[in-house]
Amino acid sequence: MKIADIAALLDAKVYSGKDMMDKEVHTACGCDLMSDVLAFVKDQAVLLTGLVNPQVIRTAEMMDIVCIVLVRGKAPTAAMIDLAEERSLALLSTEQKMFSACGLLYNAGLADGGTM
């Protein structure tokens, strides 16, 4: 699934990575605990989270996550946007709750990013 498809499916606003909309992702993870993301997420994934801090960007970079979607209408800080741009990460925000957003992506064919 392309990042553009994710943005359209979730009716998400794109804050960074507008040039990455054709990038493919194959798995997703919905998580607010970055320690769980470090333990279970596969690379080239999309991360859905309600956390709004630069640590999310740094964790995504370490795990080769290419797209972050903030849920529940949360908006990233300017520092997050700048860091995402520097690290070539797509950063989006949706009004969807995490459960609903994950369900929409799963139903559209995106696989579970966890290895549990």
PDB file of N, CA and C in Angstrom:
ATOM      1  N   MET A   1       0.848  -1.167   0.000  1.00  0.00           N
ATOM      2  CA  MET A   1       0.000   0.000   0.000  1.00  0.00           C
ATOM      3  C   MET A   1       0.899   1.237   0.000  1.00  0.00           C
ATOM      4  N   LYS A   2       0.549   2.222  -0.782  1.00  0.00           N
ATOM      5  CA  LYS A   2       1.317   3.460  -0.821  1.00  0.00           C
ATOM      6  C   LYS A   2       0.892   4.393   0.311  1.00  0.00           C
ATOM      7  N   ILE A   3       1.813   5.253   0.708  1.00  0.00           N
ATOM      8  CA  ILE A   3       1.507   6.231   1.752  1.00  0.00           C
ATOM      9  C   ILE A   3       0.339   7.116   1.327  1.00  0.00           C
ATOM     10  N   ALA A   4       0.248   7.433   0.053  1.00  0.00           N
ATOM     11  CA  ALA A   4      -0.878   8.224  -0.453  1.00  0.00           C
ATOM     12  C   ALA A   4      -2.201   7.511  -0.200  1.00  0.00           C
ATOM     13  N   ASP A   5      -2.218   6.180  -0.337  1.00  0.00           N
ATOM     14  CA  ASP A   5      -3.431   5.400  -0.067  1.00  0.00           C
ATOM     15  C   ASP A   5      -3.812   5.470   1.403  1.00  0.00           C
ATOM     16  N   ILE A   6      -2.801   5.419   2.259  1.00  0.00           N
ATOM     17  CA  ILE A   6      -3.034   5.521   3.704  1.00  0.00           C
ATOM     18  C   ILE A   6      -3.633   6.878   4.037  1.00  0.00           C
ATOM     19  N   ALA A   7      -3.035   7.931   3.486  1.00  0.00           N
ATOM     20  CA  ALA A   7      -3.527   9.291   3.736  1.00  0.00           C
ATOM     21  C   ALA A   7      -4.979   9.433   3.278  1.00  0.00           C
ATOM     22  N   ALA A   8      -5.292   8.884   2.105  1.00  0.00           N
ATOM     23  CA  ALA A   8      -6.657   8.984   1.583  1.00  0.00           C
ATOM     24  C   ALA A   8      -7.628   8.156   2.421  1.00  0.00           C
ATOM     25  N   LEU A   9      -7.234   6.938   2.756  1.00  0.00           N
ATOM     26  CA  LEU A   9      -8.096   6.039   3.508  1.00  0.00           C
ATOM     27  C   LEU A   9      -8.437   6.598   4.887  1.00  0.00           C
ATOM     28  N   LEU A  10      -7.461   7.245   5.520  1.00  0.00           N
ATOM     29  CA  LEU A  10      -7.656   7.789   6.866  1.00  0.00           C
ATOM     30  C   LEU A  10      -8.060   9.259   6.854  1.00  0.00           C
ATOM     31  N   ASP A  11      -8.210   9.825   5.655  1.00  0.00           N
ATOM     32  CA  ASP A  11      -8.518  11.248   5.515  1.00  0.00           C
ATOM     33  C   ASP A  11      -7.538  12.061   6.359  1.00  0.00           C
ATOM     34  N   ALA A  12      -6.255  11.767   6.162  1.00  0.00           N
ATOM     35  CA  ALA A  12      -5.199  12.333   6.998  1.00  0.00           C
ATOM     36  C   ALA A  12      -4.578  13.573   6.378  1.00  0.00           C
ATOM     37  N   LYS A  13      -4.145  14.455   7.233  1.00  0.00           N
ATOM     38  CA  LYS A  13      -3.389  15.634   6.823  1.00  0.00           C
ATOM     39  C   LYS A  13      -1.913  15.253   6.788  1.00  0.00           C
ATOM     40  N   VAL A  14      -1.216  15.660   5.736  1.00  0.00           N
ATOM     41  CA  VAL A  14       0.203  15.349   5.588  1.00  0.00           C
ATOM     42  C   VAL A  14       1.016  16.550   6.062  1.00  0.00           C
ATOM     43  N   TYR A  15       1.850  16.327   7.081  1.00  0.00           N
ATOM     44  CA  TYR A  15       2.695  17.393   7.634  1.00  0.00           C
ATOM     45  C   TYR A  15       4.108  17.366   7.077  1.00  0.00           C
ATOM     46  N   SER A  16       4.613  16.195   6.768  1.00  0.00           N
ATOM     47  CA  SER A  16       5.940  16.080   6.162  1.00  0.00           C
ATOM     48  C   SER A  16       5.954  14.851   5.266  1.00  0.00           C
ATOM     49  N   GLY A  17       6.896  14.847   4.326  1.00  0.00           N
ATOM     50  CA  GLY A  17       7.027  13.711   3.430  1.00  0.00           C
ATOM     51  C   GLY A  17       6.098  13.736   2.241  1.00  0.00           C
ATOM     52  N   LYS A  18       5.698  14.923   1.818  1.00  0.00           N
ATOM     53  CA  LYS A  18       4.807  15.007   0.654  1.00  0.00           C
ATOM     54  C   LYS A  18       5.429  14.374  -0.586  1.00  0.00           C
ATOM     55  N   ASP A  19       6.759  14.328  -0.635  1.00  0.00           N
ATOM     56  CA  ASP A  19       7.454  13.709  -1.758  1.00  0.00           C
ATOM     57  C   ASP A  19       7.555  12.191  -1.612  1.00  0.00           C
ATOM     58  N   MET A  20       7.024  11.641  -0.526  1.00  0.00           N
ATOM     59  CA  MET A  20       7.108  10.198  -0.266  1.00  0.00           C
ATOM     60  C   MET A  20       5.780   9.479  -0.490  1.00  0.00           C
ATOM     61  N   MET A  21       4.804  10.139  -1.052  1.00  0.00           N
ATOM     62  CA  MET A  21       3.471   9.568  -1.156  1.00  0.00           C
ATOM     63  C   MET A  21       3.411   8.301  -2.007  1.00  0.00           C
ATOM     64  N   ASP A  22       4.386   8.085  -2.887  1.00  0.00           N
ATOM     65  CA  ASP A  22       4.412   6.876  -3.709  1.00  0.00           C
ATOM     66  C   ASP A  22       5.191   5.729  -3.063  1.00  0.00           C
ATOM     67  N   LYS A  23       5.734   5.963  -1.881  1.00  0.00           N
ATOM     68  CA  LYS A  23       6.509   4.932  -1.172  1.00  0.00           C
ATOM     69  C   LYS A  23       5.561   3.838  -0.684  1.00  0.00           C
ATOM     70  N   GLU A  24       5.991   2.587  -0.850  1.00  0.00           N
ATOM     71  CA  GLU A  24       5.187   1.437  -0.438  1.00  0.00           C
ATOM     72  C   GLU A  24       5.476   1.056   1.014  1.00  0.00           C
ATOM     73  N   VAL A  25       4.434   0.712   1.738  1.00  0.00           N
ATOM     74  CA  VAL A  25       4.563   0.101   3.058  1.00  0.00           C
ATOM     75  C   VAL A  25       3.758  -1.196   3.038  1.00  0.00           C
ATOM     76  N   HIS A  26       4.209  -2.177   3.797  1.00  0.00           N
ATOM     77  CA  HIS A  26       3.557  -3.482   3.769  1.00  0.00           C
ATOM     78  C   HIS A  26       2.988  -3.901   5.107  1.00  0.00           C
ATOM     79  N   THR A  27       3.400  -3.222   6.185  1.00  0.00           N
ATOM     80  CA  THR A  27       2.924  -3.573   7.514  1.00  0.00           C
ATOM     81  C   THR A  27       2.596  -2.317   8.306  1.00  0.00           C
ATOM     82  N   ALA A  28       1.842  -2.503   9.379  1.00  0.00           N
ATOM     83  CA  ALA A  28       1.469  -1.387  10.247  1.00  0.00           C
ATOM     84  C   ALA A  28       1.502  -1.830  11.698  1.00  0.00           C
ATOM     85  N   CYS A  29       1.673  -0.851  12.571  1.00  0.00           N
ATOM     86  CA  CYS A  29       1.659  -1.093  14.012  1.00  0.00           C
ATOM     87  C   CYS A  29       0.968   0.084  14.684  1.00  0.00           C
ATOM     88  N   GLY A  30       0.019  -0.205  15.550  1.00  0.00           N
ATOM     89  CA  GLY A  30      -0.618   0.826  16.356  1.00  0.00           C
ATOM     90  C   GLY A  30      -0.131   0.685  17.782  1.00  0.00           C
ATOM     91  N   CYS A  31       0.584   1.708  18.277  1.00  0.00           N
ATOM     92  CA  CYS A  31       1.209   1.564  19.584  1.00  0.00           C
ATOM     93  C   CYS A  31       1.568   2.928  20.172  1.00  0.00           C
ATOM     94  N   ASP A  32       1.403   3.065  21.488  1.00  0.00           N
ATOM     95  CA  ASP A  32       1.844   4.265  22.192  1.00  0.00           C
ATOM     96  C   ASP A  32       3.081   4.018  23.043  1.00  0.00           C
ATOM     97  N   LEU A  33       3.483   2.779  23.192  1.00  0.00           N
ATOM     98  CA  LEU A  33       4.684   2.455  23.955  1.00  0.00           C
ATOM     99  C   LEU A  33       5.847   2.254  22.988  1.00  0.00           C
ATOM    100  N   MET A  34       6.776   3.196  22.986  1.00  0.00           N
ATOM    101  CA  MET A  34       7.885   3.103  22.049  1.00  0.00           C
ATOM    102  C   MET A  34       8.769   1.894  22.337  1.00  0.00           C
ATOM    103  N   SER A  35       8.781   1.417  23.578  1.00  0.00           N
ATOM    104  CA  SER A  35       9.537   0.198  23.884  1.00  0.00           C
ATOM    105  C   SER A  35       8.937  -0.999  23.149  1.00  0.00           C
ATOM    106  N   ASP A  36       7.617  -1.046  23.004  1.00  0.00           N
ATOM    107  CA  ASP A  36       6.982  -2.121  22.232  1.00  0.00           C
ATOM    108  C   ASP A  36       7.292  -1.980  20.749  1.00  0.00           C
ATOM    109  N   VAL A  37       7.328  -0.760  20.262  1.00  0.00           N
ATOM    110  CA  VAL A  37       7.677  -0.533  18.858  1.00  0.00           C
ATOM    111  C   VAL A  37       9.086  -1.063  18.603  1.00  0.00           C
ATOM    112  N   LEU A  38      10.008  -0.761  19.505  1.00  0.00           N
ATOM    113  CA  LEU A  38      11.386  -1.233  19.351  1.00  0.00           C
ATOM    114  C   LEU A  38      11.460  -2.756  19.366  1.00  0.00           C
ATOM    115  N   ALA A  39      10.579  -3.402  20.097  1.00  0.00           N
ATOM    116  CA  ALA A  39      10.628  -4.850  20.235  1.00  0.00           C
ATOM    117  C   ALA A  39       9.922  -5.601  19.110  1.00  0.00           C
ATOM    118  N   PHE A  40       8.919  -5.011  18.486  1.00  0.00           N
ATOM    119  CA  PHE A  40       8.064  -5.807  17.623  1.00  0.00           C
ATOM    120  C   PHE A  40       7.865  -5.330  16.191  1.00  0.00           C
ATOM    121  N   VAL A  41       8.187  -4.117  15.848  1.00  0.00           N
ATOM    122  CA  VAL A  41       7.853  -3.607  14.523  1.00  0.00           C
ATOM    123  C   VAL A  41       8.881  -4.030  13.481  1.00  0.00           C
ATOM    124  N   LYS A  42       8.380  -4.378  12.308  1.00  0.00           N
ATOM    125  CA  LYS A  42       9.238  -4.690  11.171  1.00  0.00           C
ATOM    126  C   LYS A  42       9.569  -3.394  10.437  1.00  0.00           C
ATOM    127  N   ASP A  43      10.603  -3.429   9.614  1.00  0.00           N
ATOM    128  CA  ASP A  43      10.980  -2.220   8.876  1.00  0.00           C
ATOM    129  C   ASP A  43       9.995  -1.921   7.742  1.00  0.00           C
ATOM    130  N   GLN A  44      10.128  -0.721   7.191  1.00  0.00           N
ATOM    131  CA  GLN A  44       9.285  -0.237   6.093  1.00  0.00           C
ATOM    132  C   GLN A  44       7.797  -0.297   6.462  1.00  0.00           C
ATOM    133  N   ALA A  45       7.491   0.075   7.683  1.00  0.00           N
ATOM    134  CA  ALA A  45       6.132   0.006   8.196  1.00  0.00           C
ATOM    135  C   ALA A  45       5.564   1.404   8.408  1.00  0.00           C
ATOM    136  N   VAL A  46       4.289   1.443   8.744  1.00  0.00           N
ATOM    137  CA  VAL A  46       3.632   2.664   9.187  1.00  0.00           C
ATOM    138  C   VAL A  46       3.318   2.484  10.675  1.00  0.00           C
ATOM    139  N   LEU A  47       3.588   3.524  11.449  1.00  0.00           N
ATOM    140  CA  LEU A  47       3.319   3.516  12.885  1.00  0.00           C
ATOM    141  C   LEU A  47       2.155   4.445  13.166  1.00  0.00           C
ATOM    142  N   LEU A  48       1.131   3.921  13.825  1.00  0.00           N
ATOM    143  CA  LEU A  48       0.006   4.730  14.274  1.00  0.00           C
ATOM    144  C   LEU A  48       0.161   4.925  15.767  1.00  0.00           C
ATOM    145  N   THR A  49       0.097   6.174  16.219  1.00  0.00           N
ATOM    146  CA  THR A  49       0.319   6.461  17.632  1.00  0.00           C
ATOM    147  C   THR A  49      -0.423   7.722  18.059  1.00  0.00           C
ATOM    148  N   GLY A  50      -0.654   7.814  19.346  1.00  0.00           N
ATOM    149  CA  GLY A  50      -1.235   9.019  19.924  1.00  0.00           C
ATOM    150  C   GLY A  50      -0.198   9.886  20.608  1.00  0.00           C
ATOM    151  N   LEU A  51       1.050   9.450  20.583  1.00  0.00           N
ATOM    152  CA  LEU A  51       2.127  10.223  21.217  1.00  0.00           C
ATOM    153  C   LEU A  51       2.568  11.365  20.312  1.00  0.00           C
ATOM    154  N   VAL A  52       2.752  12.516  20.910  1.00  0.00           N
ATOM    155  CA  VAL A  52       3.181  13.697  20.157  1.00  0.00           C
ATOM    156  C   VAL A  52       4.444  14.238  20.819  1.00  0.00           C
ATOM    157  N   ASN A  53       5.581  13.639  20.441  1.00  0.00           N
ATOM    158  CA  ASN A  53       6.869  14.122  20.921  1.00  0.00           C
ATOM    159  C   ASN A  53       7.968  13.652  19.964  1.00  0.00           C
ATOM    160  N   PRO A  54       9.117  14.298  19.990  1.00  0.00           N
ATOM    161  CA  PRO A  54      10.195  13.935  19.058  1.00  0.00           C
ATOM    162  C   PRO A  54      10.691  12.500  19.213  1.00  0.00           C
ATOM    163  N   GLN A  55      10.482  11.867  20.374  1.00  0.00           N
ATOM    164  CA  GLN A  55      10.926  10.490  20.560  1.00  0.00           C
ATOM    165  C   GLN A  55      10.262   9.543  19.564  1.00  0.00           C
ATOM    166  N   VAL A  56       9.043   9.860  19.160  1.00  0.00           N
ATOM    167  CA  VAL A  56       8.339   9.045  18.166  1.00  0.00           C
ATOM    168  C   VAL A  56       9.119   9.044  16.850  1.00  0.00           C
ATOM    169  N   ILE A  57       9.600  10.216  16.441  1.00  0.00           N
ATOM    170  CA  ILE A  57      10.374  10.334  15.203  1.00  0.00           C
ATOM    171  C   ILE A  57      11.680   9.562  15.331  1.00  0.00           C
ATOM    172  N   ARG A  58      12.344   9.706  16.451  1.00  0.00           N
ATOM    173  CA  ARG A  58      13.626   9.021  16.654  1.00  0.00           C
ATOM    174  C   ARG A  58      13.455   7.499  16.682  1.00  0.00           C
ATOM    175  N   THR A  59      12.393   7.029  17.309  1.00  0.00           N
ATOM    176  CA  THR A  59      12.120   5.590  17.337  1.00  0.00           C
ATOM    177  C   THR A  59      11.820   5.086  15.931  1.00  0.00           C
ATOM    178  N   ALA A  60      11.008   5.822  15.196  1.00  0.00           N
ATOM    179  CA  ALA A  60      10.677   5.429  13.823  1.00  0.00           C
ATOM    180  C   ALA A  60      11.933   5.339  12.964  1.00  0.00           C
ATOM    181  N   GLU A  61      12.821   6.284  13.121  1.00  0.00           N
ATOM    182  CA  GLU A  61      14.061   6.268  12.350  1.00  0.00           C
ATOM    183  C   GLU A  61      14.896   5.025  12.674  1.00  0.00           C
ATOM    184  N   MET A  62      15.004   4.691  13.943  1.00  0.00           N
ATOM    185  CA  MET A  62      15.788   3.520  14.366  1.00  0.00           C
ATOM    186  C   MET A  62      15.222   2.224  13.791  1.00  0.00           C
ATOM    187  N   MET A  63      13.908   2.157  13.613  1.00  0.00           N
ATOM    188  CA  MET A  63      13.253   0.930  13.176  1.00  0.00           C
ATOM    189  C   MET A  63      12.946   0.918  11.682  1.00  0.00           C
ATOM    190  N   ASP A  64      13.452   1.892  10.936  1.00  0.00           N
ATOM    191  CA  ASP A  64      13.194   1.990   9.492  1.00  0.00           C
ATOM    192  C   ASP A  64      11.705   2.086   9.172  1.00  0.00           C
ATOM    193  N   ILE A  65      10.960   2.723  10.060  1.00  0.00           N
ATOM    194  CA  ILE A  65       9.553   3.023   9.804  1.00  0.00           C
ATOM    195  C   ILE A  65       9.537   4.216   8.856  1.00  0.00           C
ATOM    196  N   VAL A  66       8.703   4.175   7.831  1.00  0.00           N
ATOM    197  CA  VAL A  66       8.724   5.239   6.825  1.00  0.00           C
ATOM    198  C   VAL A  66       7.587   6.240   6.975  1.00  0.00           C
ATOM    199  N   CYS A  67       6.580   5.893   7.781  1.00  0.00           N
ATOM    200  CA  CYS A  67       5.412   6.764   7.922  1.00  0.00           C
ATOM    201  C   CYS A  67       4.871   6.684   9.338  1.00  0.00           C
ATOM    202  N   ILE A  68       4.558   7.837   9.898  1.00  0.00           N
ATOM    203  CA  ILE A  68       3.939   7.932  11.214  1.00  0.00           C
ATOM    204  C   ILE A  68       2.579   8.602  11.041  1.00  0.00           C
ATOM    205  N   VAL A  69       1.555   8.004  11.632  1.00  0.00           N
ATOM    206  CA  VAL A  69       0.218   8.599  11.615  1.00  0.00           C
ATOM    207  C   VAL A  69      -0.184   8.889  13.055  1.00  0.00           C
ATOM    208  N   LEU A  70      -0.400  10.154  13.349  1.00  0.00           N
ATOM    209  CA  LEU A  70      -0.903  10.550  14.664  1.00  0.00           C
ATOM    210  C   LEU A  70      -2.418  10.405  14.636  1.00  0.00           C
ATOM    211  N   VAL A  71      -2.971   9.751  15.649  1.00  0.00           N
ATOM    212  CA  VAL A  71      -4.406   9.480  15.689  1.00  0.00           C
ATOM    213  C   VAL A  71      -5.126  10.475  16.603  1.00  0.00           C
ATOM    214  N   ARG A  72      -6.445  10.386  16.591  1.00  0.00           N
ATOM    215  CA  ARG A  72      -7.322  11.214  17.439  1.00  0.00           C
ATOM    216  C   ARG A  72      -7.150  12.709  17.189  1.00  0.00           C
ATOM    217  N   GLY A  73      -6.788  13.071  15.955  1.00  0.00           N
ATOM    218  CA  GLY A  73      -6.696  14.484  15.581  1.00  0.00           C
ATOM    219  C   GLY A  73      -5.524  15.224  16.176  1.00  0.00           C
ATOM    220  N   LYS A  74      -4.574  14.500  16.715  1.00  0.00           N
ATOM    221  CA  LYS A  74      -3.410  15.162  17.316  1.00  0.00           C
ATOM    222  C   LYS A  74      -2.532  15.760  16.223  1.00  0.00           C
ATOM    223  N   ALA A  75      -2.017  16.938  16.506  1.00  0.00           N
ATOM    224  CA  ALA A  75      -1.141  17.627  15.552  1.00  0.00           C
ATOM    225  C   ALA A  75       0.294  17.585  16.064  1.00  0.00           C
ATOM    226  N   PRO A  76       1.239  17.375  15.165  1.00  0.00           N
ATOM    227  CA  PRO A  76       2.636  17.338  15.590  1.00  0.00           C
ATOM    228  C   PRO A  76       3.144  18.723  15.952  1.00  0.00           C
ATOM    229  N   THR A  77       4.149  18.756  16.795  1.00  0.00           N
ATOM    230  CA  THR A  77       4.801  20.023  17.121  1.00  0.00           C
ATOM    231  C   THR A  77       5.690  20.433  15.952  1.00  0.00           C
ATOM    232  N   ALA A  78       6.097  21.684  15.943  1.00  0.00           N
ATOM    233  CA  ALA A  78       7.011  22.161  14.907  1.00  0.00           C
ATOM    234  C   ALA A  78       8.314  21.381  14.937  1.00  0.00           C
ATOM    235  N   ALA A  79       8.780  21.042  16.143  1.00  0.00           N
ATOM    236  CA  ALA A  79      10.018  20.261  16.277  1.00  0.00           C
ATOM    237  C   ALA A  79       9.862  18.881  15.645  1.00  0.00           C
ATOM    238  N   MET A  80       8.700  18.267  15.820  1.00  0.00           N
ATOM    239  CA  MET A  80       8.459  16.956  15.209  1.00  0.00           C
ATOM    240  C   MET A  80       8.453  17.040  13.692  1.00  0.00           C
ATOM    241  N   ILE A  81       7.811  18.068  13.172  1.00  0.00           N
ATOM    242  CA  ILE A  81       7.743  18.236  11.712  1.00  0.00           C
ATOM    243  C   ILE A  81       9.139  18.439  11.146  1.00  0.00           C
ATOM    244  N   ASP A  82       9.908  19.304  11.779  1.00  0.00           N
ATOM    245  CA  ASP A  82      11.284  19.560  11.317  1.00  0.00           C
ATOM    246  C   ASP A  82      12.119  18.285  11.357  1.00  0.00           C
ATOM    247  N   LEU A  83      12.013  17.538  12.438  1.00  0.00           N
ATOM    248  CA  LEU A  83      12.795  16.312  12.584  1.00  0.00           C
ATOM    249  C   LEU A  83      12.356  15.256  11.565  1.00  0.00           C
ATOM    250  N   ALA A  84      11.073  15.148  11.327  1.00  0.00           N
ATOM    251  CA  ALA A  84      10.572  14.199  10.326  1.00  0.00           C
ATOM    252  C   ALA A  84      11.084  14.561   8.935  1.00  0.00           C
ATOM    253  N   GLU A  85      11.089  15.850   8.622  1.00  0.00           N
ATOM    254  CA  GLU A  85      11.623  16.290   7.326  1.00  0.00           C
ATOM    255  C   GLU A  85      13.106  15.959   7.216  1.00  0.00           C
ATOM    256  N   GLU A  86      13.864  16.244   8.268  1.00  0.00           N
ATOM    257  CA  GLU A  86      15.304  15.949   8.272  1.00  0.00           C
ATOM    258  C   GLU A  86      15.579  14.464   8.081  1.00  0.00           C
ATOM    259  N   ARG A  87      14.716  13.625   8.641  1.00  0.00           N
ATOM    260  CA  ARG A  87      14.924  12.175   8.616  1.00  0.00           C
ATOM    261  C   ARG A  87      14.184  11.493   7.462  1.00  0.00           C
ATOM    262  N   SER A  88      13.565  12.286   6.591  1.00  0.00           N
ATOM    263  CA  SER A  88      12.820  11.758   5.434  1.00  0.00           C
ATOM    264  C   SER A  88      11.724  10.777   5.848  1.00  0.00           C
ATOM    265  N   LEU A  89      10.909  11.199   6.811  1.00  0.00           N
ATOM    266  CA  LEU A  89       9.770  10.413   7.269  1.00  0.00           C
ATOM    267  C   LEU A  89       8.480  11.133   6.909  1.00  0.00           C
ATOM    268  N   ALA A  90       7.494  10.369   6.487  1.00  0.00           N
ATOM    269  CA  ALA A  90       6.167  10.938   6.269  1.00  0.00           C
ATOM    270  C   ALA A  90       5.488  11.049   7.635  1.00  0.00           C
ATOM    271  N   LEU A  91       4.893  12.202   7.898  1.00  0.00           N
ATOM    272  CA  LEU A  91       4.210  12.449   9.167  1.00  0.00           C
ATOM    273  C   LEU A  91       2.800  12.928   8.863  1.00  0.00           C
ATOM    274  N   LEU A  92       1.812  12.152   9.284  1.00  0.00           N
ATOM    275  CA  LEU A  92       0.415  12.429   9.000  1.00  0.00           C
ATOM    276  C   LEU A  92      -0.381  12.506  10.294  1.00  0.00           C
ATOM    277  N   SER A  93      -1.588  13.058  10.196  1.00  0.00           N
ATOM    278  CA  SER A  93      -2.502  13.098  11.337  1.00  0.00           C
ATOM    279  C   SER A  93      -3.913  12.815  10.844  1.00  0.00           C
ATOM    280  N   THR A  94      -4.641  11.996  11.608  1.00  0.00           N
ATOM    281  CA  THR A  94      -6.020  11.656  11.269  1.00  0.00           C
ATOM    282  C   THR A  94      -6.926  11.884  12.471  1.00  0.00           C
ATOM    283  N   GLU A  95      -8.175  12.150  12.212  1.00  0.00           N
ATOM    284  CA  GLU A  95      -9.170  12.279  13.278  1.00  0.00           C
ATOM    285  C   GLU A  95      -9.595  10.911  13.809  1.00  0.00           C
ATOM    286  N   GLN A  96      -9.283   9.846  13.083  1.00  0.00           N
ATOM    287  CA  GLN A  96      -9.668   8.493  13.488  1.00  0.00           C
ATOM    288  C   GLN A  96      -9.032   8.126  14.831  1.00  0.00           C
ATOM    289  N   LYS A  97      -9.748   7.334  15.601  1.00  0.00           N
ATOM    290  CA  LYS A  97      -9.164   6.744  16.803  1.00  0.00           C
ATOM    291  C   LYS A  97      -8.242   5.613  16.360  1.00  0.00           C
ATOM    292  N   MET A  98      -7.302   5.217  17.215  1.00  0.00           N
ATOM    293  CA  MET A  98      -6.317   4.212  16.824  1.00  0.00           C
ATOM    294  C   MET A  98      -6.980   2.909  16.377  1.00  0.00           C
ATOM    295  N   PHE A  99      -7.946   2.431  17.129  1.00  0.00           N
ATOM    296  CA  PHE A  99      -8.612   1.173  16.795  1.00  0.00           C
ATOM    297  C   PHE A  99      -9.239   1.240  15.409  1.00  0.00           C
ATOM    298  N   SER A 100      -9.955   2.319  15.141  1.00  0.00           N
ATOM    299  CA  SER A 100     -10.613   2.479  13.847  1.00  0.00           C
ATOM    300  C   SER A 100      -9.605   2.604  12.708  1.00  0.00           C
ATOM    301  N   ALA A 101      -8.558   3.393  12.929  1.00  0.00           N
ATOM    302  CA  ALA A 101      -7.536   3.584  11.894  1.00  0.00           C
ATOM    303  C   ALA A 101      -6.843   2.263  11.567  1.00  0.00           C
ATOM    304  N   CYS A 102      -6.482   1.510  12.596  1.00  0.00           N
ATOM    305  CA  CYS A 102      -5.847   0.203  12.374  1.00  0.00           C
ATOM    306  C   CYS A 102      -6.791  -0.736  11.628  1.00  0.00           C
ATOM    307  N   GLY A 103      -8.054  -0.719  11.999  1.00  0.00           N
ATOM    308  CA  GLY A 103      -9.048  -1.565  11.326  1.00  0.00           C
ATOM    309  C   GLY A 103      -9.210  -1.215   9.860  1.00  0.00           C
ATOM    310  N   LEU A 104      -9.251   0.067   9.555  1.00  0.00           N
ATOM    311  CA  LEU A 104      -9.372   0.497   8.159  1.00  0.00           C
ATOM    312  C   LEU A 104      -8.169   0.037   7.335  1.00  0.00           C
ATOM    313  N   LEU A 105      -6.983   0.187   7.894  1.00  0.00           N
ATOM    314  CA  LEU A 105      -5.770  -0.220   7.178  1.00  0.00           C
ATOM    315  C   LEU A 105      -5.711  -1.738   7.019  1.00  0.00           C
ATOM    316  N   TYR A 106      -6.096  -2.463   8.062  1.00  0.00           N
ATOM    317  CA  TYR A 106      -6.105  -3.923   7.995  1.00  0.00           C
ATOM    318  C   TYR A 106      -7.087  -4.403   6.923  1.00  0.00           C
ATOM    319  N   ASN A 107      -8.283  -3.833   6.921  1.00  0.00           N
ATOM    320  CA  ASN A 107      -9.292  -4.220   5.931  1.00  0.00           C
ATOM    321  C   ASN A 107      -8.879  -3.879   4.507  1.00  0.00           C
ATOM    322  N   ALA A 108      -7.999  -2.886   4.373  1.00  0.00           N
ATOM    323  CA  ALA A 108      -7.523  -2.499   3.045  1.00  0.00           C
ATOM    324  C   ALA A 108      -6.321  -3.348   2.605  1.00  0.00           C
ATOM    325  N   GLY A 109      -5.885  -4.281   3.470  1.00  0.00           N
ATOM    326  CA  GLY A 109      -4.845  -5.207   3.074  1.00  0.00           C
ATOM    327  C   GLY A 109      -3.489  -5.010   3.713  1.00  0.00           C
ATOM    328  N   LEU A 110      -3.345  -4.051   4.602  1.00  0.00           N
ATOM    329  CA  LEU A 110      -2.058  -3.846   5.260  1.00  0.00           C
ATOM    330  C   LEU A 110      -1.894  -4.891   6.359  1.00  0.00           C
ATOM    331  N   ALA A 111      -0.718  -5.491   6.420  1.00  0.00           N
ATOM    332  CA  ALA A 111      -0.473  -6.577   7.372  1.00  0.00           C
ATOM    333  C   ALA A 111      -0.064  -6.028   8.738  1.00  0.00           C
ATOM    334  N   ASP A 112      -0.191  -6.880   9.738  1.00  0.00           N
ATOM    335  CA  ASP A 112       0.236  -6.593  11.100  1.00  0.00           C
ATOM    336  C   ASP A 112       1.754  -6.474  11.134  1.00  0.00           C
ATOM    337  N   GLY A 113       2.262  -5.403  11.757  1.00  0.00           N
ATOM    338  CA  GLY A 113       3.710  -5.200  11.823  1.00  0.00           C
ATOM    339  C   GLY A 113       4.369  -5.897  12.973  1.00  0.00           C
ATOM    340  N   GLY A 114       3.621  -6.483  13.872  1.00  0.00           N
ATOM    341  CA  GLY A 114       4.195  -7.119  15.045  1.00  0.00           C
ATOM    342  C   GLY A 114       4.688  -8.524  14.767  1.00  0.00           C
ATOM    343  N   THR A 115       5.514  -9.014  15.661  1.00  0.00           N
ATOM    344  CA  THR A 115       6.021 -10.379  15.516  1.00  0.00           C
ATOM    345  C   THR A 115       5.657 -11.225  16.726  1.00  0.00           C
ATOM    346  N   MET A 116       4.724 -10.761  17.544  1.00  0.00           N
ATOM    347  CA  MET A 116       4.333 -11.507  18.740  1.00  0.00           C
ATOM    348  C   MET A 116       3.555 -12.742  18.356  1.00  0.00           C
TER     349      MET A 116
END
